Every structure is written in C-alpha cells, then in structure tokens.
Amino acid sequence: MTKTLLAALALSCLSTFAHAQSCAVQAGDKKLAGAAKTSFLTKCEKDATAACDKQAADKKLAGAAKTSFTKKCVTDSVGT
C-alpha cells in the first residue's frame, strides 16, 4: 500500500513539473556559465524545494513519505 501511495505521489509531482523546464535546461537555454550558472541553479533549487515542500504539506505527507516525495520532486524539477 505504501509503495502504491509513493508511486502515485511521484507521478503527481511529475505531472506538476512536466510543463515546466528543468533548471538545468533553463540554464542551458539562457547560455549561462560559471558563477552565473551556479547562482541560477542554486536559486532554482531553493525555489523547487519550497514548492515541493508546499505540495507535500498540501497532501498532508509526513515522515518518510514526505522526504521521499520532496526528494523526487526536487530532483525532477532541477534536472541534471
């Protein structure tokens, strides 16, 4: 049951950020490099973390489910 819940939450997060480009893609599109790219990615990751934390709170997640959801959500929105 827990695995099913986590899978559903992960898919929900994916659909939320599917329309937005990842931070890495945005940095590439803006042709950022060096300190500007680092700064942009840091701010983008902080913004993604805040948004994912809010989504987890809206879903009333706690403990391991919240941690897992937030980690996956942030990873998906930041990109590589």
C-alpha atoms as a PDB file:
ATOM      1  CA  MET A   1       0.000   0.000   0.000  1.00  0.00           C
ATOM      2  CA  THR A   2       2.811   2.401   0.900  1.00  0.00           C
ATOM      3  CA  LYS A   3       4.598   1.703  -2.392  1.00  0.00           C
ATOM      4  CA  THR A   4       1.413   2.424  -4.298  1.00  0.00           C
ATOM      5  CA  LEU A   5       0.932   5.686  -2.427  1.00  0.00           C
ATOM      6  CA  LEU A   6       4.516   6.766  -3.076  1.00  0.00           C
ATOM      7  CA  ALA A   7       4.221   5.873  -6.753  1.00  0.00           C
ATOM      8  CA  ALA A   8       1.022   7.904  -7.064  1.00  0.00           C
ATOM      9  CA  LEU A   9       2.652  10.855  -5.321  1.00  0.00           C
ATOM     10  CA  ALA A  10       5.700  10.661  -7.558  1.00  0.00           C
ATOM     11  CA  LEU A  11       3.509  10.666 -10.657  1.00  0.00           C
ATOM     12  CA  SER A  12       1.614  13.627  -9.280  1.00  0.00           C
ATOM     13  CA  CYS A  13       4.855  15.538  -8.837  1.00  0.00           C
ATOM     14  CA  LEU A  14       5.979  14.606 -12.330  1.00  0.00           C
ATOM     15  CA  SER A  15       2.771  15.877 -13.850  1.00  0.00           C
ATOM     16  CA  THR A  16       3.060  19.130 -11.914  1.00  0.00           C
ATOM     17  CA  PHE A  17       6.526  19.864 -13.267  1.00  0.00           C
ATOM     18  CA  ALA A  18       6.069  18.245 -16.683  1.00  0.00           C
ATOM     19  CA  HIS A  19       5.036  21.555 -18.178  1.00  0.00           C
ATOM     20  CA  ALA A  20       7.975  23.485 -16.751  1.00  0.00           C
ATOM     21  CA  GLN A  21      11.518  23.010 -17.975  1.00  0.00           C
ATOM     22  CA  SER A  22      14.102  21.769 -15.527  1.00  0.00           C
ATOM     23  CA  CYS A  23      16.525  24.256 -14.043  1.00  0.00           C
ATOM     24  CA  ALA A  24      19.421  22.729 -15.995  1.00  0.00           C
ATOM     25  CA  VAL A  25      17.547  23.105 -19.290  1.00  0.00           C
ATOM     26  CA  GLN A  26      16.647  26.711 -18.464  1.00  0.00           C
ATOM     27  CA  ALA A  27      20.290  27.499 -17.639  1.00  0.00           C
ATOM     28  CA  GLY A  28      21.342  25.989 -20.966  1.00  0.00           C
ATOM     29  CA  ASP A  29      18.705  27.951 -22.854  1.00  0.00           C
ATOM     30  CA  LYS A  30      19.938  31.163 -21.230  1.00  0.00           C
ATOM     31  CA  LYS A  31      23.530  30.166 -22.112  1.00  0.00           C
ATOM     32  CA  LEU A  32      24.657  30.658 -18.517  1.00  0.00           C
ATOM     33  CA  ALA A  33      28.142  29.601 -17.446  1.00  0.00           C
ATOM     34  CA  GLY A  34      30.397  29.844 -14.423  1.00  0.00           C
ATOM     35  CA  ALA A  35      29.197  31.813 -11.415  1.00  0.00           C
ATOM     36  CA  ALA A  36      26.011  32.957 -13.137  1.00  0.00           C
ATOM     37  CA  LYS A  37      25.000  29.345 -13.822  1.00  0.00           C
ATOM     38  CA  THR A  38      25.836  28.281 -10.270  1.00  0.00           C
ATOM     39  CA  SER A  39      23.828  31.143  -8.822  1.00  0.00           C
ATOM     40  CA  PHE A  40      20.871  30.436 -11.090  1.00  0.00           C
ATOM     41  CA  LEU A  41      20.866  26.715 -10.270  1.00  0.00           C
ATOM     42  CA  THR A  42      21.125  27.390  -6.531  1.00  0.00           C
ATOM     43  CA  LYS A  43      18.166  29.767  -6.595  1.00  0.00           C
ATOM     44  CA  CYS A  44      16.178  27.438  -8.819  1.00  0.00           C
ATOM     45  CA  GLU A  45      16.799  24.501  -6.443  1.00  0.00           C
ATOM     46  CA  LYS A  46      15.703  26.582  -3.430  1.00  0.00           C
ATOM     47  CA  ASP A  47      12.527  27.604  -5.256  1.00  0.00           C
ATOM     48  CA  ALA A  48      11.848  23.982  -6.246  1.00  0.00           C
ATOM     49  CA  THR A  49      12.381  22.801  -2.673  1.00  0.00           C
ATOM     50  CA  ALA A  50       9.918  25.365  -1.362  1.00  0.00           C
ATOM     51  CA  ALA A  51       7.325  24.420  -3.979  1.00  0.00           C
ATOM     52  CA  CYS A  52       7.753  20.702  -3.328  1.00  0.00           C
ATOM     53  CA  ASP A  53       7.535  21.200   0.441  1.00  0.00           C
ATOM     54  CA  LYS A  54       4.275  23.087  -0.069  1.00  0.00           C
ATOM     55  CA  GLN A  55       2.921  20.279  -2.253  1.00  0.00           C
ATOM     56  CA  ALA A  56       3.873  17.727   0.414  1.00  0.00           C
ATOM     57  CA  ALA A  57       2.110  19.799   3.062  1.00  0.00           C
ATOM     58  CA  ASP A  58      -0.984  20.129   0.863  1.00  0.00           C
ATOM     59  CA  LYS A  59      -1.016  16.339   0.539  1.00  0.00           C
ATOM     60  CA  LYS A  60      -0.557  16.036   4.322  1.00  0.00           C
ATOM     61  CA  LEU A  61       2.563  13.912   3.982  1.00  0.00           C
ATOM     62  CA  ALA A  62       4.854  13.292   6.927  1.00  0.00           C
ATOM     63  CA  GLY A  63       7.969  11.323   7.758  1.00  0.00           C
ATOM     64  CA  ALA A  64       9.481   9.074   5.119  1.00  0.00           C
ATOM     65  CA  ALA A  65       6.679   9.710   2.625  1.00  0.00           C
ATOM     66  CA  LYS A  66       7.329  13.472   2.776  1.00  0.00           C
ATOM     67  CA  THR A  67      11.077  13.011   2.475  1.00  0.00           C
ATOM     68  CA  SER A  68      10.739  10.666  -0.493  1.00  0.00           C
ATOM     69  CA  PHE A  69       8.191  12.867  -2.242  1.00  0.00           C
ATOM     70  CA  THR A  70      10.216  16.040  -1.733  1.00  0.00           C
ATOM     71  CA  LYS A  71      13.491  14.445  -2.875  1.00  0.00           C
ATOM     72  CA  LYS A  72      11.926  13.074  -6.073  1.00  0.00           C
ATOM     73  CA  CYS A  73      10.033  16.277  -6.767  1.00  0.00           C
ATOM     74  CA  VAL A  74      13.112  18.487  -6.372  1.00  0.00           C
ATOM     75  CA  THR A  75      15.277  16.140  -8.442  1.00  0.00           C
ATOM     76  CA  ASP A  76      12.725  16.172 -11.254  1.00  0.00           C
ATOM     77  CA  SER A  77      12.398  19.939 -11.279  1.00  0.00           C
ATOM     78  CA  VAL A  78      16.124  20.707 -11.011  1.00  0.00           C
ATOM     79  CA  GLY A  79      17.313  18.211 -13.614  1.00  0.00           C
ATOM     80  CA  THR A  80      20.937  17.287 -14.142  1.00  0.00           C
END
